[in-house]
PDB file of all heavy atoms in Angstrom:
ATOM      1  N   VAL A   1       0.864  -1.172   0.000  1.00  0.00           N
ATOM      2  CA  VAL A   1       0.001  -0.001   0.001  1.00  0.00           C
ATOM      3  C   VAL A   1       0.905   1.224  -0.004  1.00  0.00           C
ATOM      4  O   VAL A   1       1.737   1.377   0.903  1.00  0.00           O
ATOM      5  CB  VAL A   1      -0.938   0.032   1.229  1.00  0.00           C
ATOM      6  CG1 VAL A   1      -1.773   1.298   1.229  1.00  0.00           C
ATOM      7  CG2 VAL A   1      -1.832  -1.193   1.257  1.00  0.00           C
ATOM      8  N   GLU A   2       0.767   2.055  -1.024  1.00  0.00           N
ATOM      9  CA  GLU A   2       1.540   3.292  -1.107  1.00  0.00           C
ATOM     10  C   GLU A   2       0.625   4.463  -0.796  1.00  0.00           C
ATOM     11  O   GLU A   2      -0.420   4.632  -1.426  1.00  0.00           O
ATOM     12  CB  GLU A   2       2.108   3.492  -2.520  1.00  0.00           C
ATOM     13  CG  GLU A   2       3.217   2.555  -2.887  1.00  0.00           C
ATOM     14  CD  GLU A   2       3.768   2.836  -4.270  1.00  0.00           C
ATOM     15  OE1 GLU A   2       3.224   3.702  -5.002  1.00  0.00           O
ATOM     16  OE2 GLU A   2       4.754   2.192  -4.643  1.00  0.00           O
ATOM     17  N   TYR A   3       1.018   5.263   0.182  1.00  0.00           N
ATOM     18  CA  TYR A   3       0.296   6.484   0.519  1.00  0.00           C
ATOM     19  C   TYR A   3       1.009   7.657  -0.142  1.00  0.00           C
ATOM     20  O   TYR A   3       2.175   7.551  -0.541  1.00  0.00           O
ATOM     21  CB  TYR A   3       0.259   6.695   2.043  1.00  0.00           C
ATOM     22  CG  TYR A   3      -0.707   5.777   2.747  1.00  0.00           C
ATOM     23  CD1 TYR A   3      -0.301   4.575   3.287  1.00  0.00           C
ATOM     24  CD2 TYR A   3      -2.045   6.126   2.861  1.00  0.00           C
ATOM     25  CE1 TYR A   3      -1.194   3.725   3.933  1.00  0.00           C
ATOM     26  CE2 TYR A   3      -2.952   5.295   3.505  1.00  0.00           C
ATOM     27  CZ  TYR A   3      -2.517   4.097   4.033  1.00  0.00           C
ATOM     28  OH  TYR A   3      -3.414   3.266   4.660  1.00  0.00           O
ATOM     29  N   TYR A   4       0.334   8.788  -0.211  1.00  0.00           N
ATOM     30  CA  TYR A   4       0.954   9.988  -0.755  1.00  0.00           C
ATOM     31  C   TYR A   4       1.915  10.634   0.236  1.00  0.00           C
ATOM     32  O   TYR A   4       2.865  11.294  -0.144  1.00  0.00           O
ATOM     33  CB  TYR A   4      -0.106  11.016  -1.184  1.00  0.00           C
ATOM     34  CG  TYR A   4      -0.759  10.651  -2.487  1.00  0.00           C
ATOM     35  CD1 TYR A   4      -2.002  10.044  -2.509  1.00  0.00           C
ATOM     36  CD2 TYR A   4      -0.122  10.911  -3.701  1.00  0.00           C
ATOM     37  CE1 TYR A   4      -2.590   9.694  -3.707  1.00  0.00           C
ATOM     38  CE2 TYR A   4      -0.714  10.575  -4.908  1.00  0.00           C
ATOM     39  CZ  TYR A   4      -1.954   9.967  -4.908  1.00  0.00           C
ATOM     40  OH  TYR A   4      -2.531   9.617  -6.092  1.00  0.00           O
ATOM     41  N   ASN A   5       1.658  10.436   1.550  1.00  0.00           N
ATOM     42  CA  ASN A   5       2.570  11.062   2.520  1.00  0.00           C
ATOM     43  C   ASN A   5       2.847  10.137   3.697  1.00  0.00           C
ATOM     44  O   ASN A   5       2.090   9.208   3.986  1.00  0.00           O
ATOM     45  CB  ASN A   5       2.050  12.434   2.974  1.00  0.00           C
ATOM     46  CG  ASN A   5       0.760  12.335   3.731  1.00  0.00           C
ATOM     47  OD1 ASN A   5       0.717  11.745   4.811  1.00  0.00           O
ATOM     48  ND2 ASN A   5      -0.297  12.916   3.190  1.00  0.00           N
ATOM     49  N   ARG A   6       3.927  10.408   4.364  1.00  0.00           N
ATOM     50  CA  ARG A   6       4.427   9.571   5.463  1.00  0.00           C
ATOM     51  C   ARG A   6       3.452   9.540   6.645  1.00  0.00           C
ATOM     52  O   ARG A   6       3.258   8.493   7.267  1.00  0.00           O
ATOM     53  CB  ARG A   6       5.806  10.106   5.903  1.00  0.00           C
ATOM     54  CG  ARG A   6       6.429   9.421   7.083  1.00  0.00           C
ATOM     55  CD  ARG A   6       7.064   8.126   6.744  1.00  0.00           C
ATOM     56  NE  ARG A   6       7.721   7.522   7.908  1.00  0.00           N
ATOM     57  CZ  ARG A   6       8.546   6.529   7.829  1.00  0.00           C
ATOM     58  NH1 ARG A   6       8.852   6.002   6.680  1.00  0.00           N
ATOM     59  NH2 ARG A   6       9.093   6.034   8.926  1.00  0.00           N
ATOM     60  N   ALA A   7       2.841  10.667   6.957  1.00  0.00           N
ATOM     61  CA  ALA A   7       1.943  10.726   8.118  1.00  0.00           C
ATOM     62  C   ALA A   7       0.773   9.756   7.959  1.00  0.00           C
ATOM     63  O   ALA A   7       0.376   9.092   8.929  1.00  0.00           O
ATOM     64  CB  ALA A   7       1.428  12.152   8.313  1.00  0.00           C
ATOM     65  N   ASP A   8       0.232   9.646   6.756  1.00  0.00           N
ATOM     66  CA  ASP A   8      -0.873   8.707   6.533  1.00  0.00           C
ATOM     67  C   ASP A   8      -0.404   7.265   6.698  1.00  0.00           C
ATOM     68  O   ASP A   8      -1.101   6.431   7.283  1.00  0.00           O
ATOM     69  CB  ASP A   8      -1.481   8.918   5.135  1.00  0.00           C
ATOM     70  CG  ASP A   8      -2.197  10.243   5.006  1.00  0.00           C
ATOM     71  OD1 ASP A   8      -2.461  10.906   6.042  1.00  0.00           O
ATOM     72  OD2 ASP A   8      -2.508  10.636   3.865  1.00  0.00           O
ATOM     73  N   ALA A   9       0.787   6.957   6.207  1.00  0.00           N
ATOM     74  CA  ALA A   9       1.349   5.612   6.364  1.00  0.00           C
ATOM     75  C   ALA A   9       1.598   5.308   7.848  1.00  0.00           C
ATOM     76  O   ALA A   9       1.336   4.191   8.307  1.00  0.00           O
ATOM     77  CB  ALA A   9       2.631   5.479   5.546  1.00  0.00           C
ATOM     78  N   GLU A  10       2.073   6.295   8.590  1.00  0.00           N
ATOM     79  CA  GLU A  10       2.285   6.112  10.028  1.00  0.00           C
ATOM     80  C   GLU A  10       0.960   5.826  10.732  1.00  0.00           C
ATOM     81  O   GLU A  10       0.889   4.966  11.616  1.00  0.00           O
ATOM     82  CB  GLU A  10       2.954   7.341  10.635  1.00  0.00           C
ATOM     83  CG  GLU A  10       4.407   7.473  10.271  1.00  0.00           C
ATOM     84  CD  GLU A  10       5.047   8.740  10.816  1.00  0.00           C
ATOM     85  OE1 GLU A  10       4.362   9.559  11.466  1.00  0.00           O
ATOM     86  OE2 GLU A  10       6.269   8.911  10.598  1.00  0.00           O
ATOM     87  N   ASN A  11      -0.096   6.560  10.344  1.00  0.00           N
ATOM     88  CA  ASN A  11      -1.415   6.308  10.921  1.00  0.00           C
ATOM     89  C   ASN A  11      -1.873   4.882  10.639  1.00  0.00           C
ATOM     90  O   ASN A  11      -2.475   4.238  11.493  1.00  0.00           O
ATOM     91  CB  ASN A  11      -2.442   7.307  10.390  1.00  0.00           C
ATOM     92  CG  ASN A  11      -2.330   8.641  11.075  1.00  0.00           C
ATOM     93  OD1 ASN A  11      -1.875   8.736  12.215  1.00  0.00           O
ATOM     94  ND2 ASN A  11      -2.730   9.701  10.383  1.00  0.00           N
ATOM     95  N   CYS A  12      -1.585   4.404   9.453  1.00  0.00           N
ATOM     96  CA  CYS A  12      -1.950   3.046   9.110  1.00  0.00           C
ATOM     97  C   CYS A  12      -1.248   2.048  10.032  1.00  0.00           C
ATOM     98  O   CYS A  12      -1.872   1.127  10.540  1.00  0.00           O
ATOM     99  CB  CYS A  12      -1.604   2.762   7.649  1.00  0.00           C
ATOM    100  SG  CYS A  12      -2.067   1.101   7.161  1.00  0.00           S
ATOM    101  N   LEU A  13       0.036   2.260  10.254  1.00  0.00           N
ATOM    102  CA  LEU A  13       0.760   1.362  11.157  1.00  0.00           C
ATOM    103  C   LEU A  13       0.184   1.412  12.571  1.00  0.00           C
ATOM    104  O   LEU A  13       0.118   0.406  13.260  1.00  0.00           O
ATOM    105  CB  LEU A  13       2.248   1.721  11.195  1.00  0.00           C
ATOM    106  CG  LEU A  13       3.069   1.206  10.025  1.00  0.00           C
ATOM    107  CD1 LEU A  13       4.482   1.771  10.065  1.00  0.00           C
ATOM    108  CD2 LEU A  13       3.111  -0.303  10.000  1.00  0.00           C
ATOM    109  N   ARG A  14      -0.223   2.588  12.990  1.00  0.00           N
ATOM    110  CA  ARG A  14      -0.786   2.741  14.345  1.00  0.00           C
ATOM    111  C   ARG A  14      -2.161   2.110  14.468  1.00  0.00           C
ATOM    112  O   ARG A  14      -2.459   1.466  15.473  1.00  0.00           O
ATOM    113  CB  ARG A  14      -0.918   4.214  14.696  1.00  0.00           C
ATOM    114  CG  ARG A  14       0.350   4.879  15.124  1.00  0.00           C
ATOM    115  CD  ARG A  14       0.069   6.292  15.650  1.00  0.00           C
ATOM    116  NE  ARG A  14       1.294   7.000  15.842  1.00  0.00           N
ATOM    117  CZ  ARG A  14       1.770   7.908  14.993  1.00  0.00           C
ATOM    118  NH1 ARG A  14       1.129   8.208  13.894  1.00  0.00           N
ATOM    119  NH2 ARG A  14       2.918   8.503  15.241  1.00  0.00           N
ATOM    120  N   TYR A  15      -3.024   2.315  13.467  1.00  0.00           N
ATOM    121  CA  TYR A  15      -4.434   1.994  13.638  1.00  0.00           C
ATOM    122  C   TYR A  15      -4.933   0.786  12.857  1.00  0.00           C
ATOM    123  O   TYR A  15      -5.938   0.194  13.231  1.00  0.00           O
ATOM    124  CB  TYR A  15      -5.283   3.221  13.272  1.00  0.00           C
ATOM    125  CG  TYR A  15      -4.893   4.440  14.078  1.00  0.00           C
ATOM    126  CD1 TYR A  15      -4.427   5.585  13.461  1.00  0.00           C
ATOM    127  CD2 TYR A  15      -4.965   4.419  15.467  1.00  0.00           C
ATOM    128  CE1 TYR A  15      -4.055   6.703  14.200  1.00  0.00           C
ATOM    129  CE2 TYR A  15      -4.574   5.527  16.212  1.00  0.00           C
ATOM    130  CZ  TYR A  15      -4.133   6.666  15.566  1.00  0.00           C
ATOM    131  OH  TYR A  15      -3.750   7.764  16.309  1.00  0.00           O
ATOM    132  N   VAL A  16      -4.255   0.398  11.785  1.00  0.00           N
ATOM    133  CA  VAL A  16      -4.735  -0.739  10.997  1.00  0.00           C
ATOM    134  C   VAL A  16      -3.963  -2.012  11.331  1.00  0.00           C
ATOM    135  O   VAL A  16      -4.540  -3.104  11.360  1.00  0.00           O
ATOM    136  CB  VAL A  16      -4.673  -0.437   9.472  1.00  0.00           C
ATOM    137  CG1 VAL A  16      -5.044  -1.659   8.667  1.00  0.00           C
ATOM    138  CG2 VAL A  16      -5.598   0.717   9.133  1.00  0.00           C
ATOM    139  N   ASN A  17      -2.678  -1.887  11.606  1.00  0.00           N
ATOM    140  CA  ASN A  17      -1.888  -3.064  11.959  1.00  0.00           C
ATOM    141  C   ASN A  17      -2.551  -3.791  13.125  1.00  0.00           C
ATOM    142  O   ASN A  17      -2.862  -3.194  14.143  1.00  0.00           O
ATOM    143  CB  ASN A  17      -0.464  -2.655  12.334  1.00  0.00           C
ATOM    144  CG  ASN A  17       0.434  -3.844  12.564  1.00  0.00           C
ATOM    145  OD1 ASN A  17       0.364  -4.846  11.857  1.00  0.00           O
ATOM    146  ND2 ASN A  17       1.277  -3.744  13.572  1.00  0.00           N
ATOM    147  N   GLY A  18      -2.781  -5.083  12.957  1.00  0.00           N
ATOM    148  CA  GLY A  18      -3.381  -5.880  14.022  1.00  0.00           C
ATOM    149  C   GLY A  18      -4.893  -5.928  13.995  1.00  0.00           C
ATOM    150  O   GLY A  18      -5.501  -6.580  14.842  1.00  0.00           O
ATOM    151  N   THR A  19      -5.526  -5.240  13.042  1.00  0.00           N
ATOM    152  CA  THR A  19      -6.985  -5.303  12.939  1.00  0.00           C
ATOM    153  C   THR A  19      -7.391  -6.489  12.080  1.00  0.00           C
ATOM    154  O   THR A  19      -6.569  -7.133  11.437  1.00  0.00           O
ATOM    155  CB  THR A  19      -7.588  -4.003  12.351  1.00  0.00           C
ATOM    156  OG1 THR A  19      -7.085  -3.825  11.026  1.00  0.00           O
ATOM    157  CG2 THR A  19      -7.251  -2.801  13.197  1.00  0.00           C
ATOM    158  N   ARG A  20      -8.676  -6.780  12.055  1.00  0.00           N
ATOM    159  CA  ARG A  20      -9.208  -7.944  11.355  1.00  0.00           C
ATOM    160  C   ARG A  20      -9.795  -7.547  10.008  1.00  0.00           C
ATOM    161  O   ARG A  20     -10.564  -6.614   9.914  1.00  0.00           O
ATOM    162  CB  ARG A  20     -10.266  -8.598  12.237  1.00  0.00           C
ATOM    163  CG  ARG A  20     -10.643  -9.986  11.834  1.00  0.00           C
ATOM    164  CD  ARG A  20     -11.526 -10.650  12.877  1.00  0.00           C
ATOM    165  NE  ARG A  20     -10.812 -11.020  14.088  1.00  0.00           N
ATOM    166  CZ  ARG A  20     -10.128 -12.149  14.245  1.00  0.00           C
ATOM    167  NH1 ARG A  20     -10.045 -12.997  13.266  1.00  0.00           N
ATOM    168  NH2 ARG A  20      -9.532 -12.418  15.374  1.00  0.00           N
ATOM    169  N   LEU A  21      -9.424  -8.293   8.974  1.00  0.00           N
ATOM    170  CA  LEU A  21      -9.987  -8.127   7.628  1.00  0.00           C
ATOM    171  C   LEU A  21     -10.195  -9.519   7.073  1.00  0.00           C
ATOM    172  O   LEU A  21      -9.261 -10.325   7.063  1.00  0.00           O
ATOM    173  CB  LEU A  21      -9.034  -7.316   6.733  1.00  0.00           C
ATOM    174  CG  LEU A  21      -9.480  -7.143   5.267  1.00  0.00           C
ATOM    175  CD1 LEU A  21     -10.770  -6.344   5.185  1.00  0.00           C
ATOM    176  CD2 LEU A  21      -8.377  -6.473   4.461  1.00  0.00           C
ATOM    177  N   ASP A  22     -11.387  -9.813   6.598  1.00  0.00           N
ATOM    178  CA  ASP A  22     -11.708 -11.146   6.075  1.00  0.00           C
ATOM    179  C   ASP A  22     -11.385 -12.233   7.096  1.00  0.00           C
ATOM    180  O   ASP A  22     -10.856 -13.287   6.759  1.00  0.00           O
ATOM    181  CB  ASP A  22     -10.937 -11.424   4.774  1.00  0.00           C
ATOM    182  CG  ASP A  22     -11.795 -11.224   3.551  1.00  0.00           C
ATOM    183  OD1 ASP A  22     -12.981 -10.917   3.693  1.00  0.00           O
ATOM    184  OD2 ASP A  22     -11.251 -11.375   2.434  1.00  0.00           O
ATOM    185  N   ASP A  23     -11.676 -11.950   8.353  1.00  0.00           N
ATOM    186  CA  ASP A  23     -11.476 -12.889   9.457  1.00  0.00           C
ATOM    187  C   ASP A  23     -10.007 -13.234   9.701  1.00  0.00           C
ATOM    188  O   ASP A  23      -9.685 -14.300  10.201  1.00  0.00           O
ATOM    189  CB  ASP A  23     -12.299 -14.165   9.219  1.00  0.00           C
ATOM    190  CG  ASP A  23     -12.892 -14.678  10.517  1.00  0.00           C
ATOM    191  OD1 ASP A  23     -12.946 -13.911  11.505  1.00  0.00           O
ATOM    192  OD2 ASP A  23     -13.285 -15.862  10.557  1.00  0.00           O
ATOM    193  N   ARG A  24      -9.113 -12.322   9.314  1.00  0.00           N
ATOM    194  CA  ARG A  24      -7.673 -12.534   9.519  1.00  0.00           C
ATOM    195  C   ARG A  24      -7.078 -11.291  10.162  1.00  0.00           C
ATOM    196  O   ARG A  24      -7.519 -10.180   9.908  1.00  0.00           O
ATOM    197  CB  ARG A  24      -6.979 -12.806   8.196  1.00  0.00           C
ATOM    198  CG  ARG A  24      -7.577 -13.980   7.427  1.00  0.00           C
ATOM    199  CD  ARG A  24      -6.776 -14.290   6.216  1.00  0.00           C
ATOM    200  NE  ARG A  24      -5.458 -14.786   6.568  1.00  0.00           N
ATOM    201  CZ  ARG A  24      -5.214 -16.030   7.026  1.00  0.00           C
ATOM    202  NH1 ARG A  24      -6.191 -16.874   7.166  1.00  0.00           N
ATOM    203  NH2 ARG A  24      -3.991 -16.399   7.310  1.00  0.00           N
ATOM    204  N   ILE A  25      -6.045 -11.470  10.965  1.00  0.00           N
ATOM    205  CA  ILE A  25      -5.347 -10.348  11.592  1.00  0.00           C
ATOM    206  C   ILE A  25      -4.327  -9.808  10.601  1.00  0.00           C
ATOM    207  O   ILE A  25      -3.382 -10.500  10.224  1.00  0.00           O
ATOM    208  CB  ILE A  25      -4.645 -10.773  12.907  1.00  0.00           C
ATOM    209  CG1 ILE A  25      -5.644 -11.370  13.887  1.00  0.00           C
ATOM    210  CG2 ILE A  25      -3.891  -9.589  13.500  1.00  0.00           C
ATOM    211  CD1 ILE A  25      -6.748 -10.431  14.326  1.00  0.00           C
ATOM    212  N   VAL A  26      -4.525  -8.559  10.162  1.00  0.00           N
ATOM    213  CA  VAL A  26      -3.668  -7.916   9.172  1.00  0.00           C
ATOM    214  C   VAL A  26      -2.368  -7.471   9.837  1.00  0.00           C
ATOM    215  O   VAL A  26      -2.376  -6.921  10.938  1.00  0.00           O
ATOM    216  CB  VAL A  26      -4.396  -6.680   8.583  1.00  0.00           C
ATOM    217  CG1 VAL A  26      -3.494  -5.897   7.643  1.00  0.00           C
ATOM    218  CG2 VAL A  26      -5.660  -7.107   7.869  1.00  0.00           C
ATOM    219  N   ARG A  27      -1.261  -7.715   9.155  1.00  0.00           N
ATOM    220  CA  ARG A  27       0.037  -7.268   9.654  1.00  0.00           C
ATOM    221  C   ARG A  27       0.630  -6.277   8.655  1.00  0.00           C
ATOM    222  O   ARG A  27       0.682  -6.554   7.464  1.00  0.00           O
ATOM    223  CB  ARG A  27       0.975  -8.458   9.807  1.00  0.00           C
ATOM    224  CG  ARG A  27       0.481  -9.400  10.889  1.00  0.00           C
ATOM    225  CD  ARG A  27       1.540 -10.441  11.246  1.00  0.00           C
ATOM    226  NE  ARG A  27       1.005 -11.351  12.229  1.00  0.00           N
ATOM    227  CZ  ARG A  27       0.478 -12.536  11.944  1.00  0.00           C
ATOM    228  NH1 ARG A  27       0.429 -12.958  10.715  1.00  0.00           N
ATOM    229  NH2 ARG A  27      -0.002 -13.295  12.900  1.00  0.00           N
ATOM    230  N   THR A  28       1.055  -5.132   9.158  1.00  0.00           N
ATOM    231  CA  THR A  28       1.658  -4.120   8.292  1.00  0.00           C
ATOM    232  C   THR A  28       3.069  -3.817   8.782  1.00  0.00           C
ATOM    233  O   THR A  28       3.366  -3.950   9.971  1.00  0.00           O
ATOM    234  CB  THR A  28       0.835  -2.805   8.286  1.00  0.00           C
ATOM    235  OG1 THR A  28       0.789  -2.283   9.612  1.00  0.00           O
ATOM    236  CG2 THR A  28      -0.569  -3.021   7.780  1.00  0.00           C
ATOM    237  N   ASP A  29       3.924  -3.432   7.837  1.00  0.00           N
ATOM    238  CA  ASP A  29       5.295  -3.069   8.170  1.00  0.00           C
ATOM    239  C   ASP A  29       5.802  -2.118   7.102  1.00  0.00           C
ATOM    240  O   ASP A  29       5.293  -2.093   5.983  1.00  0.00           O
ATOM    241  CB  ASP A  29       6.184  -4.314   8.220  1.00  0.00           C
ATOM    242  CG  ASP A  29       7.469  -4.110   9.017  1.00  0.00           C
ATOM    243  OD1 ASP A  29       7.724  -2.976   9.506  1.00  0.00           O
ATOM    244  OD2 ASP A  29       8.218  -5.082   9.178  1.00  0.00           O
ATOM    245  N   TRP A  30       6.806  -1.347   7.444  1.00  0.00           N
ATOM    246  CA  TRP A  30       7.407  -0.434   6.463  1.00  0.00           C
ATOM    247  C   TRP A  30       8.013  -1.229   5.329  1.00  0.00           C
ATOM    248  O   TRP A  30       8.535  -2.328   5.533  1.00  0.00           O
ATOM    249  CB  TRP A  30       8.495   0.426   7.109  1.00  0.00           C
ATOM    250  CG  TRP A  30       7.967   1.425   8.065  1.00  0.00           C
ATOM    251  CD1 TRP A  30       8.166   1.462   9.416  1.00  0.00           C
ATOM    252  CD2 TRP A  30       7.138   2.555   7.750  1.00  0.00           C
ATOM    253  NE1 TRP A  30       7.500   2.543   9.956  1.00  0.00           N
ATOM    254  CE2 TRP A  30       6.868   3.230   8.953  1.00  0.00           C
ATOM    255  CE3 TRP A  30       6.594   3.047   6.577  1.00  0.00           C
ATOM    256  CZ2 TRP A  30       6.084   4.378   9.018  1.00  0.00           C
ATOM    257  CZ3 TRP A  30       5.805   4.181   6.628  1.00  0.00           C
ATOM    258  CH2 TRP A  30       5.563   4.830   7.841  1.00  0.00           C
ATOM    259  N   ASP A  31       7.969  -0.660   4.147  1.00  0.00           N
ATOM    260  CA  ASP A  31       8.632  -1.231   2.983  1.00  0.00           C
ATOM    261  C   ASP A  31       9.485  -0.142   2.361  1.00  0.00           C
ATOM    262  O   ASP A  31       9.090   1.020   2.330  1.00  0.00           O
ATOM    263  CB  ASP A  31       7.596  -1.736   1.972  1.00  0.00           C
ATOM    264  CG  ASP A  31       8.251  -2.502   0.856  1.00  0.00           C
ATOM    265  OD1 ASP A  31       8.571  -3.683   1.063  1.00  0.00           O
ATOM    266  OD2 ASP A  31       8.461  -1.912  -0.219  1.00  0.00           O
ATOM    267  N   ALA A  32      10.654  -0.524   1.846  1.00  0.00           N
ATOM    268  CA  ALA A  32      11.589   0.458   1.292  1.00  0.00           C
ATOM    269  C   ALA A  32      11.115   1.067  -0.022  1.00  0.00           C
ATOM    270  O   ALA A  32      11.717   2.008  -0.524  1.00  0.00           O
ATOM    271  CB  ALA A  32      12.962  -0.184   1.097  1.00  0.00           C
ATOM    272  N   GLY A  33      10.006   0.577  -0.544  1.00  0.00           N
ATOM    273  CA  GLY A  33       9.462   1.117  -1.789  1.00  0.00           C
ATOM    274  C   GLY A  33       9.250   0.003  -2.800  1.00  0.00           C
ATOM    275  O   GLY A  33      10.121  -0.849  -2.970  1.00  0.00           O
ATOM    276  N   PHE A  34       8.112   0.002  -3.413  1.00  0.00           N
ATOM    277  CA  PHE A  34       7.777  -1.062  -4.349  1.00  0.00           C
ATOM    278  C   PHE A  34       8.626  -0.967  -5.610  1.00  0.00           C
ATOM    279  O   PHE A  34       8.826   0.107  -6.169  1.00  0.00           O
ATOM    280  CB  PHE A  34       6.291  -1.003  -4.736  1.00  0.00           C
ATOM    281  CG  PHE A  34       5.925  -2.028  -5.756  1.00  0.00           C
ATOM    282  CD1 PHE A  34       5.789  -3.356  -5.399  1.00  0.00           C
ATOM    283  CD2 PHE A  34       5.776  -1.677  -7.088  1.00  0.00           C
ATOM    284  CE1 PHE A  34       5.485  -4.314  -6.355  1.00  0.00           C
ATOM    285  CE2 PHE A  34       5.471  -2.624  -8.048  1.00  0.00           C
ATOM    286  CZ  PHE A  34       5.326  -3.955  -7.678  1.00  0.00           C
TER     287      PHE A  34
END
């Protein structure tokens, strides 16, 4: 997932990491760039 700015990506790590999607716990981590 590429965001336009770092702050939005940071929010994703804070609030989406560990949440449930399709009955699975989503894991997010920084990536050096696709």
